[in-house]
Amino acid sequence: MSSILAEFLQQFFTFLFTAIAVVFLGGKLAWVLVFFLPFIVYSAGKIGRRVRHTTRTGQDKLADIQNILQETITGTAL
């Protein structure tokens, strides 16, 4: 858990400092990025939730298949 938190913080601060540098160095076009950033973050969160749900469903199905295979191999299938 600590390595995931450290990675998240590193990525977050890298993004934050890069965005600040772009705003200060890029001028007017950078403000377009700042304007659309909430929409991008919202969309990424929504897509992330959908991907997590799909991945979890796939892992559950794979676990069911592995259980059936385990029972078949050991001869304990009902």
N, C-alpha and C. Protein backbone atom coordinates (compact mmCIF):
# COMPACT_ATOMS: atom_id res chain seq x y z
N MET A 1 0.82 -1.19 0.00
CA MET A 1 0.00 0.00 0.00
C MET A 1 0.87 1.26 0.00
N SER A 2 1.96 1.21 0.74
CA SER A 2 2.81 2.40 0.82
C SER A 2 3.48 2.69 -0.53
N SER A 3 3.82 1.65 -1.29
CA SER A 3 4.44 1.90 -2.60
C SER A 3 3.43 2.50 -3.57
N ILE A 4 2.17 2.09 -3.46
CA ILE A 4 1.13 2.65 -4.32
C ILE A 4 0.89 4.11 -3.97
N LEU A 5 0.85 4.41 -2.68
CA LEU A 5 0.67 5.79 -2.24
C LEU A 5 1.84 6.66 -2.68
N ALA A 6 3.05 6.15 -2.56
CA ALA A 6 4.23 6.91 -2.98
C ALA A 6 4.20 7.17 -4.48
N GLU A 7 3.82 6.17 -5.26
CA GLU A 7 3.72 6.34 -6.71
C GLU A 7 2.65 7.36 -7.07
N PHE A 8 1.51 7.29 -6.39
CA PHE A 8 0.43 8.24 -6.65
C PHE A 8 0.88 9.66 -6.35
N LEU A 9 1.52 9.85 -5.20
CA LEU A 9 1.98 11.20 -4.84
C LEU A 9 3.02 11.72 -5.82
N GLN A 10 3.92 10.84 -6.25
CA GLN A 10 4.92 11.25 -7.23
C GLN A 10 4.26 11.68 -8.54
N GLN A 11 3.32 10.89 -9.03
CA GLN A 11 2.63 11.23 -10.27
C GLN A 11 1.82 12.51 -10.12
N PHE A 12 1.17 12.67 -8.98
CA PHE A 12 0.36 13.86 -8.75
C PHE A 12 1.20 15.12 -8.76
N PHE A 13 2.32 15.11 -8.02
CA PHE A 13 3.16 16.30 -7.97
C PHE A 13 3.86 16.56 -9.29
N THR A 14 4.22 15.51 -10.02
CA THR A 14 4.78 15.70 -11.35
C THR A 14 3.77 16.40 -12.25
N PHE A 15 2.52 15.93 -12.22
CA PHE A 15 1.47 16.56 -13.01
C PHE A 15 1.25 18.00 -12.59
N LEU A 16 1.20 18.24 -11.29
CA LEU A 16 0.95 19.58 -10.77
C LEU A 16 2.05 20.55 -11.20
N PHE A 17 3.29 20.18 -11.01
CA PHE A 17 4.40 21.07 -11.39
C PHE A 17 4.49 21.26 -12.90
N THR A 18 4.19 20.22 -13.66
CA THR A 18 4.18 20.36 -15.12
C THR A 18 3.08 21.30 -15.56
N ALA A 19 1.90 21.16 -14.97
CA ALA A 19 0.79 22.05 -15.32
C ALA A 19 1.11 23.50 -14.97
N ILE A 20 1.74 23.73 -13.82
CA ILE A 20 2.11 25.09 -13.43
C ILE A 20 3.15 25.66 -14.40
N ALA A 21 4.12 24.84 -14.78
CA ALA A 21 5.14 25.30 -15.73
C ALA A 21 4.52 25.64 -17.07
N VAL A 22 3.58 24.83 -17.52
CA VAL A 22 2.92 25.09 -18.80
C VAL A 22 2.13 26.39 -18.74
N VAL A 23 1.43 26.62 -17.64
CA VAL A 23 0.64 27.84 -17.51
C VAL A 23 1.54 29.07 -17.54
N PHE A 24 2.65 29.02 -16.80
CA PHE A 24 3.53 30.18 -16.75
C PHE A 24 4.35 30.37 -18.01
N LEU A 25 4.73 29.29 -18.67
CA LEU A 25 5.57 29.39 -19.86
C LEU A 25 4.77 29.43 -21.15
N GLY A 26 3.58 28.83 -21.14
CA GLY A 26 2.81 28.67 -22.36
C GLY A 26 1.88 29.81 -22.70
N GLY A 27 1.56 30.64 -21.75
CA GLY A 27 0.70 31.78 -22.05
C GLY A 27 -0.76 31.41 -22.20
N LYS A 28 -1.36 31.98 -23.22
CA LYS A 28 -2.82 31.90 -23.40
C LYS A 28 -3.33 30.48 -23.66
N LEU A 29 -2.60 29.70 -24.42
CA LEU A 29 -3.08 28.35 -24.72
C LEU A 29 -3.12 27.46 -23.48
N ALA A 30 -2.28 27.75 -22.53
CA ALA A 30 -2.28 26.96 -21.29
C ALA A 30 -3.58 27.17 -20.54
N TRP A 31 -4.17 28.35 -20.63
CA TRP A 31 -5.43 28.59 -19.93
C TRP A 31 -6.56 27.77 -20.52
N VAL A 32 -6.45 27.41 -21.79
CA VAL A 32 -7.43 26.49 -22.39
C VAL A 32 -7.33 25.14 -21.69
N LEU A 33 -6.10 24.69 -21.43
CA LEU A 33 -5.91 23.45 -20.70
C LEU A 33 -6.52 23.53 -19.32
N VAL A 34 -6.30 24.63 -18.63
CA VAL A 34 -6.85 24.80 -17.28
C VAL A 34 -8.38 24.80 -17.33
N PHE A 35 -8.93 25.38 -18.38
CA PHE A 35 -10.39 25.42 -18.52
C PHE A 35 -10.98 24.02 -18.70
N PHE A 36 -10.32 23.19 -19.52
CA PHE A 36 -10.85 21.87 -19.82
C PHE A 36 -10.42 20.80 -18.82
N LEU A 37 -9.52 21.12 -17.92
CA LEU A 37 -9.01 20.14 -16.98
C LEU A 37 -10.11 19.48 -16.14
N PRO A 38 -11.08 20.21 -15.60
CA PRO A 38 -12.13 19.52 -14.83
C PRO A 38 -12.90 18.48 -15.66
N PHE A 39 -13.15 18.78 -16.91
CA PHE A 39 -13.85 17.83 -17.77
C PHE A 39 -13.00 16.59 -18.02
N ILE A 40 -11.70 16.79 -18.19
CA ILE A 40 -10.79 15.67 -18.42
C ILE A 40 -10.71 14.79 -17.18
N VAL A 41 -10.58 15.40 -16.02
CA VAL A 41 -10.50 14.65 -14.76
C VAL A 41 -11.78 13.87 -14.52
N TYR A 42 -12.93 14.51 -14.76
CA TYR A 42 -14.21 13.84 -14.58
C TYR A 42 -14.33 12.63 -15.52
N SER A 43 -13.98 12.83 -16.78
CA SER A 43 -14.07 11.74 -17.76
C SER A 43 -13.13 10.60 -17.39
N ALA A 44 -11.92 10.93 -16.98
CA ALA A 44 -10.95 9.89 -16.60
C ALA A 44 -11.46 9.10 -15.39
N GLY A 45 -12.06 9.78 -14.44
CA GLY A 45 -12.62 9.08 -13.28
C GLY A 45 -13.75 8.15 -13.66
N LYS A 46 -14.61 8.63 -14.54
CA LYS A 46 -15.74 7.81 -14.98
C LYS A 46 -15.27 6.58 -15.75
N ILE A 47 -14.30 6.77 -16.63
CA ILE A 47 -13.74 5.65 -17.40
C ILE A 47 -13.02 4.69 -16.46
N GLY A 48 -12.30 5.23 -15.47
CA GLY A 48 -11.59 4.39 -14.51
C GLY A 48 -12.53 3.50 -13.72
N ARG A 49 -13.66 4.05 -13.29
CA ARG A 49 -14.64 3.24 -12.56
C ARG A 49 -15.18 2.12 -13.45
N ARG A 50 -15.45 2.43 -14.71
CA ARG A 50 -15.98 1.43 -15.63
C ARG A 50 -14.94 0.32 -15.87
N VAL A 51 -13.69 0.71 -16.03
CA VAL A 51 -12.63 -0.27 -16.26
C VAL A 51 -12.45 -1.15 -15.02
N ARG A 52 -12.48 -0.55 -13.83
CA ARG A 52 -12.36 -1.32 -12.60
C ARG A 52 -13.49 -2.33 -12.48
N HIS A 53 -14.71 -1.91 -12.79
CA HIS A 53 -15.86 -2.82 -12.71
C HIS A 53 -15.70 -3.98 -13.70
N THR A 54 -15.31 -3.65 -14.92
CA THR A 54 -15.14 -4.69 -15.94
C THR A 54 -14.03 -5.64 -15.57
N THR A 55 -12.93 -5.11 -15.05
CA THR A 55 -11.81 -5.95 -14.65
C THR A 55 -12.20 -6.86 -13.49
N ARG A 56 -12.91 -6.31 -12.53
CA ARG A 56 -13.35 -7.11 -11.38
C ARG A 56 -14.27 -8.24 -11.84
N THR A 57 -15.18 -7.94 -12.76
CA THR A 57 -16.09 -8.97 -13.28
C THR A 57 -15.30 -10.06 -13.99
N GLY A 58 -14.33 -9.66 -14.80
CA GLY A 58 -13.49 -10.63 -15.50
C GLY A 58 -12.69 -11.50 -14.54
N GLN A 59 -12.17 -10.91 -13.50
CA GLN A 59 -11.41 -11.68 -12.51
C GLN A 59 -12.31 -12.67 -11.78
N ASP A 60 -13.54 -12.26 -11.48
CA ASP A 60 -14.48 -13.18 -10.84
C ASP A 60 -14.79 -14.37 -11.73
N LYS A 61 -15.00 -14.12 -13.01
CA LYS A 61 -15.28 -15.21 -13.94
C LYS A 61 -14.07 -16.14 -14.07
N LEU A 62 -12.88 -15.57 -14.12
CA LEU A 62 -11.67 -16.38 -14.20
C LEU A 62 -11.50 -17.23 -12.94
N ALA A 63 -11.82 -16.68 -11.79
CA ALA A 63 -11.75 -17.45 -10.53
C ALA A 63 -12.73 -18.61 -10.56
N ASP A 64 -13.93 -18.39 -11.10
CA ASP A 64 -14.91 -19.48 -11.21
C ASP A 64 -14.38 -20.60 -12.11
N ILE A 65 -13.78 -20.21 -13.23
CA ILE A 65 -13.24 -21.21 -14.16
C ILE A 65 -12.09 -21.97 -13.50
N GLN A 66 -11.24 -21.27 -12.77
CA GLN A 66 -10.12 -21.94 -12.10
C GLN A 66 -10.61 -22.89 -11.02
N ASN A 67 -11.68 -22.52 -10.31
CA ASN A 67 -12.24 -23.42 -9.30
C ASN A 67 -12.78 -24.69 -9.95
N ILE A 68 -13.48 -24.54 -11.06
CA ILE A 68 -14.01 -25.72 -11.77
C ILE A 68 -12.87 -26.60 -12.24
N LEU A 69 -11.83 -25.99 -12.79
CA LEU A 69 -10.67 -26.74 -13.26
C LEU A 69 -10.00 -27.46 -12.09
N GLN A 70 -9.82 -26.79 -10.97
CA GLN A 70 -9.22 -27.40 -9.77
C GLN A 70 -10.02 -28.60 -9.30
N GLU A 71 -11.35 -28.44 -9.26
CA GLU A 71 -12.20 -29.54 -8.82
C GLU A 71 -12.15 -30.71 -9.80
N THR A 72 -12.08 -30.40 -11.08
CA THR A 72 -12.03 -31.46 -12.09
C THR A 72 -10.71 -32.21 -12.01
N ILE A 73 -9.63 -31.51 -11.84
CA ILE A 73 -8.31 -32.15 -11.75
C ILE A 73 -8.20 -33.03 -10.52
N THR A 74 -8.69 -32.55 -9.40
CA THR A 74 -8.58 -33.33 -8.15
C THR A 74 -9.68 -34.37 -8.02
N GLY A 75 -10.67 -34.32 -8.87
CA GLY A 75 -11.73 -35.33 -8.84
C GLY A 75 -12.77 -35.08 -7.77
N THR A 76 -12.89 -33.85 -7.32
CA THR A 76 -13.88 -33.55 -6.28
C THR A 76 -15.06 -32.79 -6.83
N ALA A 77 -15.24 -32.79 -8.11
CA ALA A 77 -16.36 -32.06 -8.72
C ALA A 77 -17.67 -32.69 -8.29
N LEU A 78 -18.64 -31.86 -8.07
CA LEU A 78 -19.95 -32.36 -7.62
C LEU A 78 -20.77 -32.85 -8.78
